[in-house]
């Protein structure tokens, strides 16, 4: 069974997708894994971080590890679109 998650596949509508913003489709998987890790750690430790803050951090971590600069407007657009997916 294949499940299509727009936020993971890079199709975020008018905002640039994670693959384009990160400069590599391979980094998209690292971003998504980091996002899950941050959300799970939040639940396990009880140290609450907002979903948006976790997404910003998850996008910046693989970018920094691979020497990529993320434009603030790209990051904000991706995070805003991911949050909007939850309200559909």
PDB file of N, CA and C in Angstrom:
ATOM      1  N   UNK A   1       0.842  -1.166   0.000  1.00  0.00           N
ATOM      2  CA  UNK A   1       0.000   0.000   0.000  1.00  0.00           C
ATOM      3  C   UNK A   1       0.896   1.240   0.000  1.00  0.00           C
ATOM      4  N   UNK A   2       0.629   2.161  -0.875  1.00  0.00           N
ATOM      5  CA  UNK A   2       1.382   3.408  -0.946  1.00  0.00           C
ATOM      6  C   UNK A   2       0.493   4.541  -0.444  1.00  0.00           C
ATOM      7  N   UNK A   3       1.031   5.312   0.475  1.00  0.00           N
ATOM      8  CA  UNK A   3       0.313   6.460   1.016  1.00  0.00           C
ATOM      9  C   UNK A   3       1.017   7.706   0.530  1.00  0.00           C
ATOM     10  N   UNK A   4       0.259   8.636   0.008  1.00  0.00           N
ATOM     11  CA  UNK A   4       0.825   9.867  -0.521  1.00  0.00           C
ATOM     12  C   UNK A   4       0.622  10.995   0.476  1.00  0.00           C
ATOM     13  N   UNK A   5       1.706  11.469   1.060  1.00  0.00           N
ATOM     14  CA  UNK A   5       1.672  12.610   1.964  1.00  0.00           C
ATOM     15  C   UNK A   5       2.282  13.797   1.234  1.00  0.00           C
ATOM     16  N   UNK A   6       1.489  14.801   0.870  1.00  0.00           N
ATOM     17  CA  UNK A   6       2.031  15.927   0.117  1.00  0.00           C
ATOM     18  C   UNK A   6       3.242  16.569   0.777  1.00  0.00           C
ATOM     19  N   UNK A   7       3.250  16.683   2.101  1.00  0.00           N
ATOM     20  CA  UNK A   7       4.370  17.357   2.753  1.00  0.00           C
ATOM     21  C   UNK A   7       5.662  16.568   2.604  1.00  0.00           C
ATOM     22  N   UNK A   8       5.585  15.265   2.458  1.00  0.00           N
ATOM     23  CA  UNK A   8       6.781  14.435   2.347  1.00  0.00           C
ATOM     24  C   UNK A   8       7.256  14.333   0.905  1.00  0.00           C
ATOM     25  N   UNK A   9       6.321  14.399  -0.012  1.00  0.00           N
ATOM     26  CA  UNK A   9       6.654  14.224  -1.417  1.00  0.00           C
ATOM     27  C   UNK A   9       7.117  15.514  -2.079  1.00  0.00           C
ATOM     28  N   UNK A  10       7.080  16.611  -1.348  1.00  0.00           N
ATOM     29  CA  UNK A  10       7.564  17.865  -1.889  1.00  0.00           C
ATOM     30  C   UNK A  10       6.501  18.678  -2.586  1.00  0.00           C
ATOM     31  N   UNK A  11       5.274  18.217  -2.631  1.00  0.00           N
ATOM     32  CA  UNK A  11       4.197  18.944  -3.288  1.00  0.00           C
ATOM     33  C   UNK A  11       3.446  19.768  -2.249  1.00  0.00           C
ATOM     34  N   UNK A  12       3.894  20.986  -2.068  1.00  0.00           N
ATOM     35  CA  UNK A  12       3.284  21.846  -1.055  1.00  0.00           C
ATOM     36  C   UNK A  12       2.569  23.028  -1.690  1.00  0.00           C
ATOM     37  N   UNK A  13       2.083  22.834  -2.892  1.00  0.00           N
ATOM     38  CA  UNK A  13       1.364  23.919  -3.544  1.00  0.00           C
ATOM     39  C   UNK A  13       2.315  25.034  -3.947  1.00  0.00           C
ATOM     40  N   UNK A  14       1.927  26.289  -3.707  1.00  0.00           N
ATOM     41  CA  UNK A  14       2.732  27.410  -4.179  1.00  0.00           C
ATOM     42  C   UNK A  14       4.064  27.562  -3.457  1.00  0.00           C
ATOM     43  N   UNK A  15       4.184  27.034  -2.253  1.00  0.00           N
ATOM     44  CA  UNK A  15       5.450  27.130  -1.526  1.00  0.00           C
ATOM     45  C   UNK A  15       6.448  26.140  -2.128  1.00  0.00           C
ATOM     46  N   UNK A  16       7.749  26.470  -2.075  1.00  0.00           N
ATOM     47  CA  UNK A  16       8.725  25.502  -2.569  1.00  0.00           C
ATOM     48  C   UNK A  16       8.691  24.254  -1.695  1.00  0.00           C
ATOM     49  N   UNK A  17       8.847  23.107  -2.315  1.00  0.00           N
ATOM     50  CA  UNK A  17       8.854  21.871  -1.547  1.00  0.00           C
ATOM     51  C   UNK A  17      10.157  21.706  -0.800  1.00  0.00           C
ATOM     52  N   UNK A  18      10.173  20.813   0.172  1.00  0.00           N
ATOM     53  CA  UNK A  18      11.385  20.586   0.959  1.00  0.00           C
ATOM     54  C   UNK A  18      12.586  20.200   0.105  1.00  0.00           C
ATOM     55  N   UNK A  19      12.388  19.391  -0.919  1.00  0.00           N
ATOM     56  CA  UNK A  19      13.522  18.968  -1.753  1.00  0.00           C
ATOM     57  C   UNK A  19      14.159  20.173  -2.441  1.00  0.00           C
ATOM     58  N   UNK A  20      13.343  21.058  -2.975  1.00  0.00           N
ATOM     59  CA  UNK A  20      13.892  22.234  -3.653  1.00  0.00           C
ATOM     60  C   UNK A  20      14.546  23.184  -2.660  1.00  0.00           C
ATOM     61  N   UNK A  21      13.901  23.407  -1.535  1.00  0.00           N
ATOM     62  CA  UNK A  21      14.462  24.325  -0.536  1.00  0.00           C
ATOM     63  C   UNK A  21      15.769  23.792   0.035  1.00  0.00           C
ATOM     64  N   UNK A  22      15.848  22.478   0.250  1.00  0.00           N
ATOM     65  CA  UNK A  22      17.060  21.876   0.793  1.00  0.00           C
ATOM     66  C   UNK A  22      18.119  21.643  -0.277  1.00  0.00           C
ATOM     67  N   UNK A  23      17.708  21.687  -1.535  1.00  0.00           N
ATOM     68  CA  UNK A  23      18.656  21.509  -2.622  1.00  0.00           C
ATOM     69  C   UNK A  23      18.910  20.061  -2.997  1.00  0.00           C
ATOM     70  N   UNK A  24      18.177  19.135  -2.395  1.00  0.00           N
ATOM     71  CA  UNK A  24      18.409  17.724  -2.670  1.00  0.00           C
ATOM     72  C   UNK A  24      17.198  16.905  -2.254  1.00  0.00           C
ATOM     73  N   UNK A  25      16.754  16.037  -3.134  1.00  0.00           N
ATOM     74  CA  UNK A  25      15.648  15.150  -2.772  1.00  0.00           C
ATOM     75  C   UNK A  25      16.064  14.194  -1.669  1.00  0.00           C
ATOM     76  N   UNK A  26      17.346  13.835  -1.613  1.00  0.00           N
ATOM     77  CA  UNK A  26      17.844  12.951  -0.560  1.00  0.00           C
ATOM     78  C   UNK A  26      17.726  13.562   0.825  1.00  0.00           C
ATOM     79  N   UNK A  27      17.858  14.877   0.905  1.00  0.00           N
ATOM     80  CA  UNK A  27      17.728  15.547   2.201  1.00  0.00           C
ATOM     81  C   UNK A  27      16.288  15.611   2.672  1.00  0.00           C
ATOM     82  N   UNK A  28      15.346  15.434   1.759  1.00  0.00           N
ATOM     83  CA  UNK A  28      13.931  15.432   2.132  1.00  0.00           C
ATOM     84  C   UNK A  28      13.647  14.317   3.133  1.00  0.00           C
ATOM     85  N   UNK A  29      14.206  13.141   2.910  1.00  0.00           N
ATOM     86  CA  UNK A  29      14.011  12.023   3.839  1.00  0.00           C
ATOM     87  C   UNK A  29      14.635  12.328   5.189  1.00  0.00           C
ATOM     88  N   UNK A  30      15.805  12.970   5.189  1.00  0.00           N
ATOM     89  CA  UNK A  30      16.446  13.346   6.451  1.00  0.00           C
ATOM     90  C   UNK A  30      15.601  14.365   7.202  1.00  0.00           C
ATOM     91  N   UNK A  31      15.030  15.319   6.457  1.00  0.00           N
ATOM     92  CA  UNK A  31      14.149  16.319   7.081  1.00  0.00           C
ATOM     93  C   UNK A  31      12.956  15.632   7.739  1.00  0.00           C
ATOM     94  N   UNK A  32      12.305  14.727   7.011  1.00  0.00           N
ATOM     95  CA  UNK A  32      11.107  14.092   7.540  1.00  0.00           C
ATOM     96  C   UNK A  32      11.444  13.236   8.756  1.00  0.00           C
ATOM     97  N   UNK A  33      12.552  12.499   8.705  1.00  0.00           N
ATOM     98  CA  UNK A  33      12.971  11.696   9.854  1.00  0.00           C
ATOM     99  C   UNK A  33      13.260  12.594  11.052  1.00  0.00           C
ATOM    100  N   UNK A  34      13.906  13.729  10.806  1.00  0.00           N
ATOM    101  CA  UNK A  34      14.207  14.670  11.889  1.00  0.00           C
ATOM    102  C   UNK A  34      12.921  15.242  12.476  1.00  0.00           C
ATOM    103  N   UNK A  35      11.950  15.539  11.619  1.00  0.00           N
ATOM    104  CA  UNK A  35      10.673  16.071  12.098  1.00  0.00           C
ATOM    105  C   UNK A  35       9.987  15.063  13.014  1.00  0.00           C
ATOM    106  N   UNK A  36       9.969  13.804  12.614  1.00  0.00           N
ATOM    107  CA  UNK A  36       9.364  12.771  13.451  1.00  0.00           C
ATOM    108  C   UNK A  36      10.114  12.617  14.764  1.00  0.00           C
ATOM    109  N   UNK A  37      11.426  12.616  14.701  1.00  0.00           N
ATOM    110  CA  UNK A  37      12.238  12.482  15.904  1.00  0.00           C
ATOM    111  C   UNK A  37      11.946  13.605  16.900  1.00  0.00           C
ATOM    112  N   UNK A  38      11.866  14.827  16.407  1.00  0.00           N
ATOM    113  CA  UNK A  38      11.599  15.960  17.299  1.00  0.00           C
ATOM    114  C   UNK A  38      10.221  15.872  17.934  1.00  0.00           C
ATOM    115  N   UNK A  39       9.225  15.472  17.164  1.00  0.00           N
ATOM    116  CA  UNK A  39       7.872  15.354  17.705  1.00  0.00           C
ATOM    117  C   UNK A  39       7.801  14.213  18.718  1.00  0.00           C
ATOM    118  N   UNK A  40       8.435  13.076  18.414  1.00  0.00           N
ATOM    119  CA  UNK A  40       8.431  11.950  19.363  1.00  0.00           C
ATOM    120  C   UNK A  40       9.178  12.317  20.640  1.00  0.00           C
ATOM    121  N   UNK A  41      10.330  12.975  20.507  1.00  0.00           N
ATOM    122  CA  UNK A  41      11.103  13.373  21.689  1.00  0.00           C
ATOM    123  C   UNK A  41      10.292  14.324  22.557  1.00  0.00           C
ATOM    124  N   UNK A  42       9.528  15.190  21.919  1.00  0.00           N
ATOM    125  CA  UNK A  42       8.655  16.117  22.646  1.00  0.00           C
ATOM    126  C   UNK A  42       7.683  15.334  23.516  1.00  0.00           C
ATOM    127  N   UNK A  43       7.075  14.326  22.951  1.00  0.00           N
ATOM    128  CA  UNK A  43       6.112  13.528  23.705  1.00  0.00           C
ATOM    129  C   UNK A  43       6.754  12.703  24.810  1.00  0.00           C
ATOM    130  N   UNK A  44       7.956  12.208  24.555  1.00  0.00           N
ATOM    131  CA  UNK A  44       8.624  11.365  25.547  1.00  0.00           C
ATOM    132  C   UNK A  44       9.195  12.156  26.714  1.00  0.00           C
ATOM    133  N   UNK A  45       9.701  13.355  26.433  1.00  0.00           N
ATOM    134  CA  UNK A  45      10.346  14.136  27.486  1.00  0.00           C
ATOM    135  C   UNK A  45       9.380  15.048  28.216  1.00  0.00           C
ATOM    136  N   UNK A  46       8.238  15.334  27.593  1.00  0.00           N
ATOM    137  CA  UNK A  46       7.294  16.267  28.200  1.00  0.00           C
ATOM    138  C   UNK A  46       7.694  17.721  28.006  1.00  0.00           C
ATOM    139  N   UNK A  47       8.793  17.959  27.299  1.00  0.00           N
ATOM    140  CA  UNK A  47       9.228  19.322  26.979  1.00  0.00           C
ATOM    141  C   UNK A  47       8.520  19.741  25.696  1.00  0.00           C
ATOM    142  N   UNK A  48       7.420  20.464  25.846  1.00  0.00           N
ATOM    143  CA  UNK A  48       6.603  20.780  24.680  1.00  0.00           C
ATOM    144  C   UNK A  48       7.254  21.844  23.799  1.00  0.00           C
ATOM    145  N   UNK A  49       7.292  21.547  22.526  1.00  0.00           N
ATOM    146  CA  UNK A  49       7.731  22.480  21.488  1.00  0.00           C
ATOM    147  C   UNK A  49       6.582  22.552  20.498  1.00  0.00           C
ATOM    148  N   UNK A  50       6.258  23.732  20.027  1.00  0.00           N
ATOM    149  CA  UNK A  50       5.161  23.841  19.069  1.00  0.00           C
ATOM    150  C   UNK A  50       5.498  23.068  17.797  1.00  0.00           C
ATOM    151  N   UNK A  51       4.465  22.618  17.119  1.00  0.00           N
ATOM    152  CA  UNK A  51       4.652  21.873  15.886  1.00  0.00           C
ATOM    153  C   UNK A  51       5.435  22.706  14.870  1.00  0.00           C
ATOM    154  N   UNK A  52       5.085  23.978  14.765  1.00  0.00           N
ATOM    155  CA  UNK A  52       5.788  24.857  13.818  1.00  0.00           C
ATOM    156  C   UNK A  52       7.263  25.000  14.147  1.00  0.00           C
ATOM    157  N   UNK A  53       7.589  25.161  15.434  1.00  0.00           N
ATOM    158  CA  UNK A  53       8.994  25.281  15.842  1.00  0.00           C
ATOM    159  C   UNK A  53       9.750  23.994  15.540  1.00  0.00           C
ATOM    160  N   UNK A  54       9.105  22.857  15.763  1.00  0.00           N
ATOM    161  CA  UNK A  54       9.744  21.578  15.460  1.00  0.00           C
ATOM    162  C   UNK A  54      10.008  21.448  13.959  1.00  0.00           C
ATOM    163  N   UNK A  55       9.065  21.906  13.133  1.00  0.00           N
ATOM    164  CA  UNK A  55       9.250  21.836  11.683  1.00  0.00           C
ATOM    165  C   UNK A  55      10.383  22.758  11.226  1.00  0.00           C
ATOM    166  N   UNK A  56      10.438  23.959  11.784  1.00  0.00           N
ATOM    167  CA  UNK A  56      11.547  24.868  11.454  1.00  0.00           C
ATOM    168  C   UNK A  56      12.884  24.222  11.803  1.00  0.00           C
ATOM    169  N   UNK A  57      12.970  23.642  12.995  1.00  0.00           N
ATOM    170  CA  UNK A  57      14.211  22.987  13.427  1.00  0.00           C
ATOM    171  C   UNK A  57      14.542  21.800  12.534  1.00  0.00           C
ATOM    172  N   UNK A  58      13.519  21.017  12.201  1.00  0.00           N
ATOM    173  CA  UNK A  58      13.739  19.829  11.372  1.00  0.00           C
ATOM    174  C   UNK A  58      14.241  20.201   9.979  1.00  0.00           C
ATOM    175  N   UNK A  59      13.796  21.316   9.445  1.00  0.00           N
ATOM    176  CA  UNK A  59      14.284  21.770   8.139  1.00  0.00           C
ATOM    177  C   UNK A  59      15.719  22.296   8.240  1.00  0.00           C
ATOM    178  N   UNK A  60      16.025  22.992   9.313  1.00  0.00           N
ATOM    179  CA  UNK A  60      17.350  23.604   9.415  1.00  0.00           C
ATOM    180  C   UNK A  60      18.454  22.591   9.719  1.00  0.00           C
ATOM    181  N   UNK A  61      18.148  21.528  10.455  1.00  0.00           N
ATOM    182  CA  UNK A  61      19.196  20.580  10.865  1.00  0.00           C
ATOM    183  C   UNK A  61      19.876  19.879   9.691  1.00  0.00           C
ATOM    184  N   UNK A  62      19.137  19.246   8.769  1.00  0.00           N
ATOM    185  CA  UNK A  62      19.847  18.616   7.640  1.00  0.00           C
ATOM    186  C   UNK A  62      20.508  19.652   6.734  1.00  0.00           C
ATOM    187  N   UNK A  63      19.903  20.814   6.609  1.00  0.00           N
ATOM    188  CA  UNK A  63      20.515  21.863   5.780  1.00  0.00           C
ATOM    189  C   UNK A  63      21.869  22.269   6.351  1.00  0.00           C
ATOM    190  N   UNK A  64      21.925  22.480   7.662  1.00  0.00           N
ATOM    191  CA  UNK A  64      23.185  22.867   8.294  1.00  0.00           C
ATOM    192  C   UNK A  64      24.227  21.761   8.185  1.00  0.00           C
ATOM    193  N   UNK A  65      23.804  20.508   8.383  1.00  0.00           N
ATOM    194  CA  UNK A  65      24.743  19.376   8.291  1.00  0.00           C
ATOM    195  C   UNK A  65      25.381  19.275   6.918  1.00  0.00           C
ATOM    196  N   UNK A  66      24.652  19.705   5.889  1.00  0.00           N
ATOM    197  CA  UNK A  66      25.151  19.584   4.516  1.00  0.00           C
ATOM    198  C   UNK A  66      25.561  20.927   3.912  1.00  0.00           C
ATOM    199  N   UNK A  67      25.710  21.941   4.761  1.00  0.00           N
ATOM    200  CA  UNK A  67      26.205  23.234   4.300  1.00  0.00           C
ATOM    201  C   UNK A  67      25.284  23.976   3.357  1.00  0.00           C
ATOM    202  N   UNK A  68      23.982  23.786   3.509  1.00  0.00           N
ATOM    203  CA  UNK A  68      23.016  24.467   2.647  1.00  0.00           C
ATOM    204  C   UNK A  68      22.373  25.621   3.398  1.00  0.00           C
ATOM    205  N   UNK A  69      22.170  26.711   2.703  1.00  0.00           N
ATOM    206  CA  UNK A  69      21.466  27.849   3.285  1.00  0.00           C
ATOM    207  C   UNK A  69      20.006  27.784   2.872  1.00  0.00           C
ATOM    208  N   UNK A  70      19.127  27.890   3.853  1.00  0.00           N
ATOM    209  CA  UNK A  70      17.690  27.932   3.563  1.00  0.00           C
ATOM    210  C   UNK A  70      17.223  29.377   3.659  1.00  0.00           C
ATOM    211  N   UNK A  71      16.517  29.820   2.652  1.00  0.00           N
ATOM    212  CA  UNK A  71      15.933  31.153   2.704  1.00  0.00           C
ATOM    213  C   UNK A  71      14.804  31.144   3.727  1.00  0.00           C
ATOM    214  N   UNK A  72      14.763  32.173   4.545  1.00  0.00           N
ATOM    215  CA  UNK A  72      13.744  32.253   5.599  1.00  0.00           C
ATOM    216  C   UNK A  72      12.338  32.170   5.014  1.00  0.00           C
ATOM    217  N   UNK A  73      12.124  32.785   3.866  1.00  0.00           N
ATOM    218  CA  UNK A  73      10.783  32.750   3.274  1.00  0.00           C
ATOM    219  C   UNK A  73      10.435  31.357   2.759  1.00  0.00           C
ATOM    220  N   UNK A  74      11.432  30.593   2.286  1.00  0.00           N
ATOM    221  CA  UNK A  74      11.169  29.214   1.873  1.00  0.00           C
ATOM    222  C   UNK A  74      10.781  28.363   3.073  1.00  0.00           C
ATOM    223  N   UNK A  75      11.551  28.491   4.154  1.00  0.00           N
ATOM    224  CA  UNK A  75      11.266  27.722   5.362  1.00  0.00           C
ATOM    225  C   UNK A  75       9.888  28.072   5.904  1.00  0.00           C
ATOM    226  N   UNK A  76       9.596  29.352   6.001  1.00  0.00           N
ATOM    227  CA  UNK A  76       8.291  29.785   6.522  1.00  0.00           C
ATOM    228  C   UNK A  76       7.157  29.280   5.631  1.00  0.00           C
ATOM    229  N   UNK A  77       7.341  29.321   4.317  1.00  0.00           N
ATOM    230  CA  UNK A  77       6.313  28.848   3.395  1.00  0.00           C
ATOM    231  C   UNK A  77       6.056  27.360   3.532  1.00  0.00           C
ATOM    232  N   UNK A  78       7.128  26.585   3.688  1.00  0.00           N
ATOM    233  CA  UNK A  78       6.979  25.139   3.846  1.00  0.00           C
ATOM    234  C   UNK A  78       6.259  24.830   5.151  1.00  0.00           C
ATOM    235  N   UNK A  79       6.702  25.447   6.238  1.00  0.00           N
ATOM    236  CA  UNK A  79       6.093  25.183   7.548  1.00  0.00           C
ATOM    237  C   UNK A  79       4.627  25.615   7.555  1.00  0.00           C
ATOM    238  N   UNK A  80       4.329  26.775   7.000  1.00  0.00           N
ATOM    239  CA  UNK A  80       2.941  27.239   6.947  1.00  0.00           C
ATOM    240  C   UNK A  80       2.063  26.267   6.171  1.00  0.00           C
ATOM    241  N   UNK A  81       2.594  25.745   5.071  1.00  0.00           N
ATOM    242  CA  UNK A  81       1.813  24.812   4.246  1.00  0.00           C
ATOM    243  C   UNK A  81       1.609  23.482   4.977  1.00  0.00           C
ATOM    244  N   UNK A  82       2.631  23.003   5.678  1.00  0.00           N
ATOM    245  CA  UNK A  82       2.486  21.757   6.435  1.00  0.00           C
ATOM    246  C   UNK A  82       1.423  21.921   7.509  1.00  0.00           C
ATOM    247  N   UNK A  83       1.464  23.032   8.208  1.00  0.00           N
ATOM    248  CA  UNK A  83       0.463  23.293   9.256  1.00  0.00           C
ATOM    249  C   UNK A  83      -0.938  23.368   8.647  1.00  0.00           C
ATOM    250  N   UNK A  84      -1.042  23.996   7.467  1.00  0.00           N
ATOM    251  CA  UNK A  84      -2.342  24.109   6.799  1.00  0.00           C
ATOM    252  C   UNK A  84      -2.882  22.744   6.389  1.00  0.00           C
ATOM    253  N   UNK A  85      -2.004  21.782   6.087  1.00  0.00           N
ATOM    254  CA  UNK A  85      -2.462  20.441   5.714  1.00  0.00           C
ATOM    255  C   UNK A  85      -3.258  19.802   6.836  1.00  0.00           C
ATOM    256  N   UNK A  86      -2.920  20.127   8.065  1.00  0.00           N
ATOM    257  CA  UNK A  86      -3.624  19.565   9.203  1.00  0.00           C
ATOM    258  C   UNK A  86      -5.009  20.160   9.426  1.00  0.00           C
ATOM    259  N   UNK A  87      -5.305  21.245   8.740  1.00  0.00           N
ATOM    260  CA  UNK A  87      -6.607  21.890   8.916  1.00  0.00           C
ATOM    261  C   UNK A  87      -7.570  21.559   7.797  1.00  0.00           C
ATOM    262  N   UNK A  88      -7.128  20.746   6.839  1.00  0.00           N
ATOM    263  CA  UNK A  88      -7.982  20.394   5.694  1.00  0.00           C
ATOM    264  C   UNK A  88      -8.993  19.363   6.103  1.00  0.00           C
TER     265      UNK A  88
END
